[in-house]
Protein backbone atom coordinates (compact mmCIF):
# COMPACT_ATOMS: atom_id res chain seq x y z
CA UNK A 1 -10.82 -2.97 13.61
CA UNK A 2 -12.47 -6.09 12.17
CA UNK A 3 -16.00 -6.86 13.24
CA UNK A 4 -16.77 -10.08 15.07
CA UNK A 5 -17.73 -12.72 12.50
CA UNK A 6 -18.10 -15.67 14.87
CA UNK A 7 -21.87 -15.73 14.21
CA UNK A 8 -21.40 -16.15 10.44
CA UNK A 9 -21.55 -19.73 9.19
CA UNK A 10 -21.18 -21.61 5.91
CA UNK A 11 -24.99 -21.57 5.66
CA UNK A 12 -25.01 -17.79 5.19
CA UNK A 13 -25.09 -16.26 1.70
CA UNK A 14 -21.88 -16.02 -0.30
CA UNK A 15 -22.07 -12.22 -0.23
CA UNK A 16 -22.24 -12.21 3.56
CA UNK A 17 -19.33 -14.65 3.82
CA UNK A 18 -17.28 -12.70 1.27
CA UNK A 19 -17.89 -9.46 3.15
CA UNK A 20 -16.74 -11.18 6.34
CA UNK A 21 -13.47 -11.99 4.60
CA UNK A 22 -13.06 -8.59 2.93
CA UNK A 23 -13.72 -6.74 6.17
CA UNK A 24 -10.76 -8.59 7.66
CA UNK A 25 -8.37 -8.73 4.72
CA UNK A 26 -9.40 -6.16 2.11
CA UNK A 27 -11.56 -3.57 3.85
CA UNK A 28 -13.00 -0.43 2.30
CA UNK A 29 -9.98 1.52 3.53
CA UNK A 30 -7.83 -0.47 1.09
CA UNK A 31 -10.21 0.35 -1.76
CA UNK A 32 -10.17 4.05 -0.91
CA UNK A 33 -6.37 4.00 -0.58
CA UNK A 34 -6.03 2.46 -4.04
CA UNK A 35 -8.40 5.01 -5.58
CA UNK A 36 -6.54 7.91 -3.97
CA UNK A 37 -3.19 6.52 -5.11
CA UNK A 38 -4.39 6.29 -8.70
CA UNK A 39 -5.96 9.73 -8.70
CA UNK A 40 -2.99 11.51 -7.09
CA UNK A 41 -0.27 9.79 -9.13
CA UNK A 42 -2.06 10.13 -12.46
CA UNK A 43 -2.64 13.85 -11.81
CA UNK A 44 1.00 14.30 -10.79
CA UNK A 45 2.12 12.65 -14.03
CA UNK A 46 0.05 15.17 -16.01
CA UNK A 47 1.16 18.09 -13.85
CA UNK A 48 4.86 17.32 -14.29
CA UNK A 49 4.36 17.41 -18.07
CA UNK A 50 2.27 20.61 -17.98
CA UNK A 51 -0.69 18.74 -19.42
CA UNK A 52 -4.37 19.45 -18.75
CA UNK A 53 -5.71 17.62 -15.70
CA UNK A 54 -8.61 16.13 -17.63
CA UNK A 55 -10.35 13.08 -16.17
CA UNK A 56 -11.34 10.56 -18.85
CA UNK A 57 -13.43 7.36 -18.92
CA UNK A 58 -10.16 5.42 -19.16
CA UNK A 59 -9.18 6.92 -15.80
CA UNK A 60 -12.20 5.23 -14.23
CA UNK A 61 -11.10 1.90 -15.66
CA UNK A 62 -7.56 2.62 -14.48
CA UNK A 63 -8.70 3.30 -10.94
CA UNK A 64 -10.57 -0.03 -10.90
CA UNK A 65 -7.48 -1.76 -12.32
CA UNK A 66 -5.20 -0.35 -9.63
CA UNK A 67 -7.56 -1.24 -6.78
CA UNK A 68 -7.93 -4.62 -8.44
CA UNK A 69 -4.20 -5.22 -8.43
CA UNK A 70 -4.01 -4.46 -4.72
CA UNK A 71 -6.72 -7.11 -4.37
CA UNK A 72 -4.61 -9.53 -6.43
CA UNK A 73 -1.67 -8.89 -4.09
CA UNK A 74 -3.89 -9.71 -1.12
CA UNK A 75 -5.02 -12.97 -2.73
CA UNK A 76 -1.41 -13.92 -3.45
CA UNK A 77 -0.66 -13.31 0.23
CA UNK A 78 -3.64 -15.42 1.29
CA UNK A 79 -2.24 -18.34 -0.70
CA UNK A 80 1.29 -17.83 0.59
CA UNK A 81 0.36 -17.45 4.26
CA UNK A 82 -2.62 -19.80 4.43
CA UNK A 83 -1.01 -22.52 6.56
CA UNK A 84 0.65 -20.21 9.05
CA UNK A 85 -2.54 -18.12 9.33
CA UNK A 86 -4.42 -21.30 10.25
CA UNK A 87 -2.15 -21.38 13.32
CA UNK A 88 -1.98 -17.66 14.10
CA UNK A 89 -5.49 -16.58 13.05
CA UNK A 90 -7.86 -19.58 13.06
CA UNK A 91 -10.80 -17.23 13.61
CA UNK A 92 -10.51 -15.60 10.19
CA UNK A 93 -13.14 -16.22 7.52
CA UNK A 94 -10.75 -17.95 5.14
CA UNK A 95 -9.28 -20.17 7.83
CA UNK A 96 -12.78 -21.14 9.00
CA UNK A 97 -13.75 -22.17 5.49
CA UNK A 98 -16.40 -19.46 5.07
CA UNK A 99 -14.67 -18.46 1.87
CA UNK A 100 -12.36 -20.59 -0.27
CA UNK A 101 -9.13 -19.64 -1.99
CA UNK A 102 -10.64 -20.51 -5.35
CA UNK A 103 -13.41 -17.97 -4.76
CA UNK A 104 -10.76 -15.31 -4.34
CA UNK A 105 -8.83 -16.61 -7.35
CA UNK A 106 -11.84 -16.04 -9.61
CA UNK A 107 -12.22 -12.44 -8.45
CA UNK A 108 -8.47 -11.88 -8.80
CA UNK A 109 -8.60 -13.26 -12.36
CA UNK A 110 -11.35 -10.78 -13.25
CA UNK A 111 -9.26 -7.90 -11.91
CA UNK A 112 -6.23 -9.17 -13.84
CA UNK A 113 -8.25 -9.08 -17.06
CA UNK A 114 -9.37 -5.53 -16.24
CA UNK A 115 -5.73 -4.54 -15.68
CA UNK A 116 -4.74 -6.04 -19.03
CA UNK A 117 -7.60 -4.36 -20.90
CA UNK A 118 -6.89 -0.97 -19.33
CA UNK A 119 -3.16 -1.16 -20.03
CA UNK A 120 -3.69 -2.32 -23.62
CA UNK A 121 -6.14 0.51 -24.34
CA UNK A 122 -3.56 3.21 -23.56
CA UNK A 123 -2.15 4.50 -26.86
CA UNK A 124 1.57 4.78 -26.10
CA UNK A 125 3.16 1.88 -28.01
CA UNK A 126 2.24 -0.59 -25.26
CA UNK A 127 4.36 1.25 -22.67
CA UNK A 128 1.62 0.93 -20.04
CA UNK A 129 1.06 -2.73 -20.90
CA UNK A 130 4.79 -3.38 -20.44
CA UNK A 131 4.73 -1.57 -17.09
CA UNK A 132 1.72 -3.63 -15.99
CA UNK A 133 3.58 -6.76 -17.03
CA UNK A 134 6.51 -5.69 -14.84
CA UNK A 135 4.17 -5.09 -11.88
CA UNK A 136 2.50 -8.47 -12.34
CA UNK A 137 5.78 -10.34 -12.78
CA UNK A 138 7.17 -8.79 -9.59
CA UNK A 139 3.93 -9.63 -7.79
CA UNK A 140 4.25 -13.28 -8.83
CA UNK A 141 7.87 -13.35 -7.66
CA UNK A 142 6.70 -11.93 -4.32
CA UNK A 143 4.04 -14.64 -4.07
CA UNK A 144 6.73 -17.25 -4.70
CA UNK A 145 9.06 -15.44 -2.28
CA UNK A 146 11.53 -15.14 -5.17
CA UNK A 147 12.01 -18.91 -4.97
CA UNK A 148 14.26 -18.46 -1.93
CA UNK A 149 11.53 -18.35 0.71
CA UNK A 150 13.33 -20.35 3.40
CA UNK A 151 16.38 -18.10 3.14
CA UNK A 152 14.40 -14.86 2.76
CA UNK A 153 12.03 -15.51 5.68
CA UNK A 154 15.01 -15.52 8.05
CA UNK A 155 15.90 -12.00 6.86
CA UNK A 156 12.73 -10.05 7.58
CA UNK A 157 14.10 -6.62 6.63
CA UNK A 158 15.35 -7.82 3.25
CA UNK A 159 12.03 -9.64 2.83
CA UNK A 160 10.14 -6.39 3.36
CA UNK A 161 12.39 -4.39 1.03
CA UNK A 162 11.84 -6.91 -1.76
CA UNK A 163 8.08 -6.73 -1.24
CA UNK A 164 7.94 -2.94 -0.90
CA UNK A 165 9.46 -2.49 -4.35
CA UNK A 166 6.06 -3.27 -5.84
CA UNK A 167 4.80 0.14 -4.62
CA UNK A 168 7.02 2.27 -6.90
CA UNK A 169 6.39 -0.21 -9.72
CA UNK A 170 2.64 0.36 -9.38
CA UNK A 171 3.20 4.12 -9.43
CA UNK A 172 5.29 3.82 -12.61
CA UNK A 173 2.42 1.81 -14.12
CA UNK A 174 -0.09 4.51 -13.15
CA UNK A 175 2.09 7.35 -14.44
CA UNK A 176 2.98 5.54 -17.65
CA UNK A 177 -0.64 5.85 -18.81
CA UNK A 178 0.01 9.61 -19.10
CA UNK A 179 3.34 9.20 -20.91
CA UNK A 180 4.06 8.73 -24.60
CA UNK A 181 7.64 7.74 -23.79
CA UNK A 182 9.23 6.85 -20.42
CA UNK A 183 9.50 10.17 -18.58
CA UNK A 184 11.83 9.58 -15.67
CA UNK A 185 12.91 12.94 -14.33
CA UNK A 186 14.18 14.02 -10.92
CA UNK A 187 10.73 14.69 -9.50
CA UNK A 188 9.43 11.31 -10.62
CA UNK A 189 12.29 9.68 -8.74
CA UNK A 190 11.34 11.76 -5.69
CA UNK A 191 7.77 10.50 -5.90
CA UNK A 192 8.99 6.91 -6.19
CA UNK A 193 11.31 7.37 -3.21
CA UNK A 194 8.46 8.86 -1.19
CA UNK A 195 6.27 5.90 -2.09
CA UNK A 196 8.91 3.36 -1.12
CA UNK A 197 9.81 5.09 2.16
CA UNK A 198 6.20 5.51 3.22
CA UNK A 199 5.38 1.90 2.35
CA UNK A 200 8.41 0.68 4.25
CA UNK A 201 7.45 2.83 7.24
CA UNK A 202 3.93 1.39 7.28
CA UNK A 203 5.24 -2.17 7.01
CA UNK A 204 7.59 -1.57 9.95
CA UNK A 205 4.79 0.10 11.92
CA UNK A 206 2.48 -2.84 11.30
CA UNK A 207 5.02 -5.37 12.55
CA UNK A 208 6.44 -3.40 15.46
CA UNK A 209 4.37 -5.30 17.97
CA UNK A 210 3.48 -4.84 21.61
CA UNK A 211 4.81 -7.40 24.11
CA UNK A 212 1.41 -9.10 24.43
CA UNK A 213 1.32 -9.74 20.67
CA UNK A 214 4.64 -11.52 20.33
CA UNK A 215 4.51 -15.23 19.50
CA UNK A 216 6.99 -17.66 17.98
CA UNK A 217 5.09 -17.89 14.70
CA UNK A 218 4.38 -14.16 14.12
CA UNK A 219 6.95 -12.03 12.28
CA UNK A 220 8.03 -8.98 14.24
CA UNK A 221 10.63 -6.24 13.85
CA UNK A 222 10.74 -5.80 17.60
CA UNK A 223 12.25 -9.28 17.82
CA UNK A 224 15.08 -8.11 15.56
CA UNK A 225 15.65 -4.46 16.45
CA UNK A 226 13.85 -4.05 19.76
CA UNK A 227 11.24 -1.36 20.33
CA UNK A 228 13.75 1.50 20.24
CA UNK A 229 15.46 0.31 17.07
CA UNK A 230 12.16 -0.23 15.28
CA UNK A 231 10.89 3.22 16.26
CA UNK A 232 14.17 4.75 15.04
CA UNK A 233 13.85 3.06 11.63
CA UNK A 234 10.20 4.13 11.30
CA UNK A 235 11.20 7.69 12.21
CA UNK A 236 13.94 7.73 9.57
CA UNK A 237 11.51 6.46 6.92
CA UNK A 238 8.96 9.09 7.94
CA UNK A 239 11.64 11.77 7.66
CA UNK A 240 12.58 10.58 4.16
CA UNK A 241 8.90 10.57 3.20
CA UNK A 242 8.42 14.12 4.49
CA UNK A 243 11.68 15.29 2.91
CA UNK A 244 10.65 14.03 -0.53
CA UNK A 245 7.26 15.68 -0.13
CA UNK A 246 8.76 19.04 0.89
CA UNK A 247 11.11 18.90 -2.09
CA UNK A 248 8.06 18.64 -4.38
CA UNK A 249 6.31 21.65 -2.85
CA UNK A 250 8.35 24.38 -4.66
CA UNK A 251 6.73 23.11 -7.88
CA UNK A 252 3.45 24.37 -6.42
CA UNK A 253 4.04 28.00 -5.39
CA UNK A 254 0.35 28.73 -4.83
CA UNK A 255 -0.57 27.70 -1.27
CA UNK A 256 3.00 26.49 -0.73
CA UNK A 257 3.05 27.33 2.98
CA UNK A 258 -0.29 25.62 3.60
CA UNK A 259 0.78 22.50 1.71
CA UNK A 260 4.04 22.27 3.63
CA UNK A 261 2.19 22.78 6.92
CA UNK A 262 -0.16 19.89 6.08
CA UNK A 263 2.76 17.54 5.52
CA UNK A 264 4.57 18.65 8.67
CA UNK A 265 1.38 18.33 10.73
CA UNK A 266 0.90 14.76 9.50
CA UNK A 267 4.50 13.93 10.32
CA UNK A 268 4.16 15.43 13.80
CA UNK A 269 1.00 13.42 14.47
CA UNK A 270 2.67 10.18 13.37
CA UNK A 271 5.75 10.85 15.48
CA UNK A 272 3.72 11.84 18.53
CA UNK A 273 1.93 8.48 18.75
CA UNK A 274 5.16 6.68 17.86
CA UNK A 275 7.03 8.24 20.78
CA UNK A 276 4.15 7.43 23.12
CA UNK A 277 4.43 3.83 21.94
CA UNK A 278 8.18 3.91 22.62
CA UNK A 279 7.48 4.76 26.25
CA UNK A 280 4.77 2.11 26.63
CA UNK A 281 4.65 -0.52 23.86
CA UNK A 282 1.30 -2.28 23.51
CA UNK A 283 -1.17 -3.69 20.99
CA UNK A 284 -3.32 -0.59 21.41
CA UNK A 285 -0.29 1.63 20.85
CA UNK A 286 0.64 -0.26 17.69
CA UNK A 287 -2.87 0.20 16.30
CA UNK A 288 -2.69 3.92 17.08
CA UNK A 289 0.62 4.08 15.22
CA UNK A 290 -1.02 2.55 12.16
CA UNK A 291 -3.87 5.06 12.27
CA UNK A 292 -1.60 8.07 12.76
CA UNK A 293 0.62 6.95 9.90
CA UNK A 294 -2.50 6.60 7.75
CA UNK A 295 -3.37 10.20 8.64
CA UNK A 296 0.17 11.29 7.70
CA UNK A 297 -0.04 9.59 4.30
CA UNK A 298 -3.55 10.95 3.67
CA UNK A 299 -2.48 14.52 4.44
CA UNK A 300 0.46 14.20 2.05
CA UNK A 301 -1.79 12.99 -0.76
CA UNK A 302 -4.43 15.64 -0.08
CA UNK A 303 -1.74 18.33 -0.07
CA UNK A 304 -0.31 17.07 -3.37
CA UNK A 305 -3.66 16.97 -5.13
CA UNK A 306 -4.60 20.43 -3.79
CA UNK A 307 -1.23 21.73 -4.93
CA UNK A 308 -1.63 20.25 -8.40
CA UNK A 309 -5.06 21.82 -8.94
CA UNK A 310 -4.13 25.14 -7.31
CA UNK A 311 -1.19 25.65 -9.65
C-alpha cells in the first residue's frame, strides 16, 4: 500500500519527491521482482544446458539492466496514461507535479544505455543484443498501443495479451546471455508459457475490481466478464502456471516432492483468497488477491532456484 504523500510539496528535495513517485509506481517490490526474475531465469538457462551455475560480474550488470527495463516500461506507461491518470488519480506524485515526465525520461535513458552495454558485452555474436532490441521494439509498440490504440482499448483482453507478450520476450533476453546459439527446447517453451500465464493472471487479478472501485474511466475485467467470469479466467491461468511448473520438476529429482509441494501450496493460497473474493467482492479482497498471487509466484521461483542448485 502506498504511503500518504499529501504532505510532500514541490519545495521538498528531488530525492524525496522521486521516492514519493517510486513508492506509488515503482516500489521496492518491483525491484526485487526484477532481480529474482533475472537470477532464476539466468540460472535455469545454465541448468538446462548442464553448465556451471557460476555468477559473474556481467550477471550483476544484467540484473540492473533487467530491473532497469521494467522501470522503462513503467515510464512508458506513465506517458501513455498521464491524462487519464490526472482524472482517476489526481493525488499521485506525477499528477501533482512533484515529479515531471522528463525527470523519469532521463532515468529511463540511463537504464536503456545500461541494457545496451550489457547486451553488447555478451560474446555470442550479438544474439543478446538482438534479443534486447526485440524487447525494446515491442516495448515501444506497447507504449504506442501498436498504433491502433482507439480500437485496442475497446478490447481489453486483447490489449492485455499484446502487453503480456513482453514478459516471455524479457525472459528470452535474459536466457540468451547464457546461449551461444538460440536454444529453444521444450522446457524453454514451458518456462515462457509459465511466464505468460502468470503475468496474464496477475494482470487479470489487478483489474478484477470490487464494486466500490468501478468507475467509467477505469479499465476493469469485471465490467466485461463479471466477477465469476474473471475469477474463472484467473483460475485457469493459475492452473496453467502450476501445470508448467510441475512439468519442470522431474528435471530436478532431488527434493522433487518438496518442490512440488511448494508450488501446490502457493496455488492453494492464491485460490483460497480468490474464492473468498468471489463470495464477497471488494477493494480489500482484490488487494488480498494480488498479495496471494505474489506469494504463489514467489514460491514457484524459490522452488525453481532451490531445485536448480540441489540438482
